[in-house]
Protein backbone atom coordinates (compact mmCIF):
# COMPACT_ATOMS: atom_id res chain seq x y z
CA UNK A 1 4.87 -21.88 5.19
CA UNK A 2 2.28 -24.11 4.22
CA UNK A 3 0.50 -23.23 7.55
CA UNK A 4 1.47 -19.56 5.95
CA UNK A 5 -0.24 -19.95 3.11
CA UNK A 6 -3.82 -21.39 4.07
CA UNK A 7 -4.08 -18.54 6.23
CA UNK A 8 -3.19 -16.31 3.03
CA UNK A 9 -5.49 -17.73 1.31
CA UNK A 10 -8.32 -16.99 3.35
CA UNK A 11 -7.09 -13.85 3.62
CA UNK A 12 -7.66 -13.37 -0.39
CA UNK A 13 -10.80 -14.97 -0.27
CA UNK A 14 -12.58 -12.22 2.25
CA UNK A 15 -11.70 -9.76 -0.06
CA UNK A 16 -13.31 -11.09 -2.98
CA UNK A 17 -16.20 -11.26 -0.36
CA UNK A 18 -16.76 -8.23 -0.09
CA UNK A 19 -17.82 -5.14 -2.07
CA UNK A 20 -14.46 -2.73 -0.80
CA UNK A 21 -12.50 -3.76 -3.76
CA UNK A 22 -15.19 -3.68 -6.60
CA UNK A 23 -17.21 -0.57 -5.47
CA UNK A 24 -13.55 1.28 -6.07
CA UNK A 25 -12.91 -0.41 -8.60
CA UNK A 26 -16.76 0.71 -10.70
CA UNK A 27 -16.03 4.47 -9.25
CA UNK A 28 -12.59 4.23 -11.14
CA UNK A 29 -13.89 3.30 -13.98
CA UNK A 30 -16.95 5.42 -14.49
CA UNK A 31 -15.01 9.03 -13.46
CA UNK A 32 -11.68 7.52 -15.41
CA UNK A 33 -14.02 6.69 -18.09
CA UNK A 34 -15.64 10.09 -18.78
CA UNK A 35 -12.96 11.83 -18.39
CA UNK A 36 -11.23 9.54 -21.50
CA UNK A 37 -14.19 10.35 -23.27
CA UNK A 38 -13.53 14.54 -23.39
CA UNK A 39 -11.47 15.32 -26.00
CA UNK A 40 -10.42 19.41 -26.06
CA UNK A 41 -8.87 19.86 -29.48
CA UNK A 42 -6.63 17.11 -29.45
CA UNK A 43 -4.59 18.73 -27.15
CA UNK A 44 -1.60 16.00 -26.24
CA UNK A 45 -1.40 17.76 -22.40
CA UNK A 46 -4.81 16.75 -21.70
CA UNK A 47 -4.12 12.78 -21.79
CA UNK A 48 -0.96 13.59 -18.93
CA UNK A 49 -3.94 14.72 -16.81
CA UNK A 50 -5.96 12.85 -17.80
CA UNK A 51 -3.22 9.92 -16.57
CA UNK A 52 -2.18 11.64 -13.26
CA UNK A 53 -6.11 11.93 -12.17
CA UNK A 54 -6.02 8.05 -12.90
CA UNK A 55 -3.66 7.16 -11.36
CA UNK A 56 -4.64 9.23 -8.16
CA UNK A 57 -7.48 7.35 -8.05
CA UNK A 58 -5.27 4.14 -8.22
CA UNK A 59 -3.40 5.22 -5.49
CA UNK A 60 -6.87 6.32 -3.30
CA UNK A 61 -8.56 3.17 -4.34
CA UNK A 62 -5.22 0.68 -2.87
CA UNK A 63 -4.37 3.11 -0.38
CA UNK A 64 -7.61 3.02 1.13
CA UNK A 65 -8.14 -1.35 -0.18
CA UNK A 66 -4.67 -2.03 1.67
CA UNK A 67 -5.23 -0.29 5.27
CA UNK A 68 -9.04 -1.14 5.78
CA UNK A 69 -8.51 -4.61 4.80
CA UNK A 70 -5.72 -5.14 7.36
CA UNK A 71 -6.81 -3.36 9.81
CA UNK A 72 -9.70 -5.41 10.27
CA UNK A 73 -7.97 -9.21 10.79
CA UNK A 74 -6.78 -9.54 13.38
CA UNK A 75 -9.87 -7.78 15.70
CA UNK A 76 -12.71 -9.24 13.53
CA UNK A 77 -11.29 -13.16 14.03
CA UNK A 78 -10.71 -12.10 18.18
CA UNK A 79 -14.30 -10.53 17.64
CA UNK A 80 -15.22 -13.34 15.93
CA UNK A 81 -14.46 -15.31 18.11
CA UNK A 82 -12.63 -17.29 15.50
CA UNK A 83 -8.56 -16.26 17.43
CA UNK A 84 -8.63 -18.84 19.69
CA UNK A 85 -9.47 -22.38 17.94
CA UNK A 86 -7.13 -20.93 14.97
CA UNK A 87 -4.26 -20.90 17.53
CA UNK A 88 -5.56 -24.90 18.69
CA UNK A 89 -4.51 -26.16 15.72
CA UNK A 90 -0.91 -26.74 14.58
CA UNK A 91 -0.44 -23.27 14.26
CA UNK A 92 1.39 -20.42 15.76
CA UNK A 93 1.01 -16.75 16.53
CA UNK A 94 3.16 -15.99 14.14
CA UNK A 95 2.29 -17.99 11.28
CA UNK A 96 -0.56 -16.68 12.10
CA UNK A 97 1.02 -12.79 11.47
CA UNK A 98 2.59 -13.17 8.50
CA UNK A 99 -0.40 -15.07 6.59
CA UNK A 100 -2.30 -12.25 7.43
CA UNK A 101 0.40 -9.97 5.97
CA UNK A 102 1.12 -11.89 2.95
CA UNK A 103 -2.40 -12.47 2.42
CA UNK A 104 -3.36 -8.67 1.94
CA UNK A 105 0.03 -7.91 0.11
CA UNK A 106 -1.01 -10.37 -2.42
CA UNK A 107 -4.59 -9.13 -2.17
CA UNK A 108 -3.32 -5.78 -2.75
CA UNK A 109 -1.01 -7.33 -5.58
CA UNK A 110 -4.27 -8.63 -7.78
CA UNK A 111 -5.89 -5.63 -7.11
CA UNK A 112 -2.75 -2.75 -8.87
CA UNK A 113 -3.27 -6.03 -11.73
CA UNK A 114 -6.11 -4.90 -12.03
CA UNK A 115 -6.26 -1.68 -11.70
CA UNK A 116 -3.23 -1.47 -13.95
CA UNK A 117 -4.73 -3.17 -16.97
CA UNK A 118 -7.57 -1.05 -16.83
CA UNK A 119 -5.15 2.45 -16.81
CA UNK A 120 -2.95 0.59 -19.29
CA UNK A 121 -5.45 0.05 -21.94
CA UNK A 122 -7.26 3.35 -20.86
CA UNK A 123 -3.92 4.83 -21.46
CA UNK A 124 -3.08 2.90 -25.33
CA UNK A 125 -6.35 4.05 -26.85
CA UNK A 126 -5.69 7.67 -26.04
CA UNK A 127 -1.78 7.27 -26.69
CA UNK A 128 -1.98 4.55 -28.89
CA UNK A 129 1.48 3.40 -27.39
CA UNK A 130 3.02 2.54 -23.55
CA UNK A 131 6.52 1.49 -21.97
CA UNK A 132 6.48 -2.04 -20.40
CA UNK A 133 9.00 -1.33 -18.67
CA UNK A 134 8.33 2.13 -16.72
CA UNK A 135 4.80 0.06 -16.55
CA UNK A 136 6.18 -2.51 -14.63
CA UNK A 137 8.02 -0.46 -12.49
CA UNK A 138 5.22 1.31 -11.19
CA UNK A 139 3.31 -1.66 -10.25
CA UNK A 140 6.43 -3.31 -8.73
CA UNK A 141 6.69 -0.29 -6.95
CA UNK A 142 3.54 0.55 -6.03
CA UNK A 143 3.33 -3.07 -4.72
CA UNK A 144 6.45 -3.08 -1.75
CA UNK A 145 4.79 -0.07 -1.61
CA UNK A 146 1.53 -1.16 0.13
CA UNK A 147 3.78 -3.83 1.75
CA UNK A 148 4.75 -1.22 4.30
CA UNK A 149 1.49 0.24 4.58
CA UNK A 150 -0.05 -3.28 5.23
CA UNK A 151 2.82 -4.63 7.61
CA UNK A 152 2.67 -0.80 9.49
CA UNK A 153 -1.31 -1.31 9.83
CA UNK A 154 -1.42 -4.91 10.48
CA UNK A 155 0.74 -4.36 13.90
CA UNK A 156 -1.71 -0.86 14.63
CA UNK A 157 -4.10 -3.43 14.36
CA UNK A 158 -2.74 -4.79 17.53
CA UNK A 159 -2.20 -1.97 18.94
CA UNK A 160 -4.98 0.11 18.51
CA UNK A 161 -8.50 -1.02 20.22
CA UNK A 162 -10.19 -0.20 16.99
CA UNK A 163 -10.15 -0.83 13.15
CA UNK A 164 -11.40 2.38 12.60
CA UNK A 165 -8.91 4.24 14.62
CA UNK A 166 -6.03 2.17 13.53
CA UNK A 167 -6.96 2.89 10.15
CA UNK A 168 -7.58 6.66 10.53
CA UNK A 169 -3.86 6.80 12.14
CA UNK A 170 -2.62 5.16 9.67
CA UNK A 171 -4.18 7.37 7.05
CA UNK A 172 -2.98 10.58 8.87
CA UNK A 173 0.78 8.63 8.80
CA UNK A 174 0.53 8.04 5.28
CA UNK A 175 -0.28 11.11 3.89
CA UNK A 176 2.34 13.03 6.96
CA UNK A 177 5.23 10.89 5.09
CA UNK A 178 4.15 11.29 1.90
CA UNK A 179 4.16 15.32 2.15
CA UNK A 180 5.83 16.07 5.67
CA UNK A 181 8.42 13.42 5.49
CA UNK A 182 10.35 14.27 2.54
CA UNK A 183 11.40 17.66 3.91
CA UNK A 184 12.06 17.12 7.45
CA UNK A 185 15.74 17.26 6.64
CA UNK A 186 15.27 20.66 5.32
CA UNK A 187 13.38 22.28 8.28
CA UNK A 188 15.64 20.37 11.11
CA UNK A 189 18.47 22.58 9.56
CA UNK A 190 15.91 26.05 10.48
CA UNK A 191 15.40 24.62 14.11
CA UNK A 192 17.88 24.61 17.11
CA UNK A 193 19.31 21.97 19.34
CA UNK A 194 18.48 20.04 21.04
CA UNK A 195 15.11 19.92 18.48
CA UNK A 196 17.03 19.32 15.64
CA UNK A 197 18.76 16.08 16.16
CA UNK A 198 14.99 14.93 16.65
CA UNK A 199 13.74 15.80 13.73
CA UNK A 200 16.33 14.47 11.66
CA UNK A 201 16.37 11.04 13.88
CA UNK A 202 12.85 11.34 12.88
CA UNK A 203 13.89 12.20 9.07
CA UNK A 204 15.74 8.53 8.92
CA UNK A 205 13.99 6.50 11.17
CA UNK A 206 10.33 6.63 8.85
CA UNK A 207 9.81 4.58 6.37
CA UNK A 208 10.10 7.09 2.55
CA UNK A 209 7.07 6.15 0.92
CA UNK A 210 8.01 8.86 -1.51
CA UNK A 211 10.93 6.81 -3.04
CA UNK A 212 7.85 4.68 -4.60
CA UNK A 213 5.59 6.84 -6.47
CA UNK A 214 6.88 7.05 -9.92
CA UNK A 215 3.28 7.90 -11.97
CA UNK A 216 5.90 10.66 -13.40
CA UNK A 217 7.06 8.15 -15.17
CA UNK A 218 4.01 6.45 -16.76
CA UNK A 219 2.85 10.24 -17.09
CA UNK A 220 4.92 11.27 -19.54
CA UNK A 221 6.24 8.01 -20.67
CA UNK A 222 10.32 9.04 -19.54
CA UNK A 223 12.09 5.91 -19.16
CA UNK A 224 12.16 3.30 -16.95
CA UNK A 225 14.52 3.41 -14.07
CA UNK A 226 18.17 2.09 -13.60
CA UNK A 227 17.37 -1.78 -12.13
CA UNK A 228 19.65 -1.56 -9.32
CA UNK A 229 18.41 2.22 -8.05
CA UNK A 230 15.19 -0.31 -8.57
CA UNK A 231 16.62 -2.95 -6.21
CA UNK A 232 17.59 -0.67 -3.65
CA UNK A 233 14.40 0.63 -2.91
CA UNK A 234 12.63 -3.14 -2.92
CA UNK A 235 15.98 -3.82 -0.39
CA UNK A 236 14.12 -0.84 1.52
CA UNK A 237 10.77 -1.69 1.23
CA UNK A 238 11.85 -5.26 2.54
CA UNK A 239 13.45 -3.78 5.78
CA UNK A 240 10.38 -1.58 7.10
CA UNK A 241 8.47 -4.81 6.01
CA UNK A 242 10.58 -7.31 8.53
CA UNK A 243 10.75 -4.15 10.96
CA UNK A 244 7.13 -3.99 11.46
CA UNK A 245 5.99 -7.68 11.42
CA UNK A 246 8.67 -8.41 13.71
CA UNK A 247 6.97 -5.71 15.89
CA UNK A 248 3.51 -7.56 15.50
CA UNK A 249 4.98 -11.06 16.13
CA UNK A 250 6.46 -9.44 19.42
CA UNK A 251 3.24 -7.67 20.46
CA UNK A 252 1.15 -10.42 19.40
CA UNK A 253 3.57 -12.47 21.87
CA UNK A 254 2.19 -10.71 24.50
CA UNK A 255 -1.63 -9.88 23.85
CA UNK A 256 -4.44 -12.52 24.68
CA UNK A 257 -6.54 -14.37 22.89
CA UNK A 258 -9.81 -14.15 24.31
């Protein structure tokens, strides 16, 4: 664990040295700040639209940070010729993979805290009330969603040739799962065998990322989700993180480091 945390610490420091987070955070702050300054007939529904757009920007920014940061980790080590010296130390390949994942995941958590603190201040300034439980659940579920995506991008960085292609494929897969994956079971009903079996199998094998989208609860100030359902969603996320990380470790074991 000491080696894993050491690698994770390096990844977190790398995020703060790069400009990705600062650029996306400043853009989000500027856009949301300008929109929050608009007051149209003191309509309460306008505040909800502002919250929806702000959360959408936060989701897009967090996805960009998670995928791009993870996709370049191991390829950058290989390109800079630092991968072999790392593995020459008392550091195994499994520890390196887990350290990179943990660092990227923790870095995503820190960026989420920054984004949601700003969002909470913006929402309170317009509505003058907020639900601590709802915000906590939104951050927690969002963080575990990014954990699945981070593990997926880390596996992709060992499979695909370049970080750019890996990032593009990850974005396409995530968007496809979010918007089309949830409807595959309904599509399968209209198909004939054996295509129906394949589509149903794909539906149950895909990680359903829409489980972690609770933006409506925050936007409309609805009560938090029951804890048992949140716990099941977190266990579901841990399972897929483990699947992708095991796949990454198996691929990395056979991959040359030079």
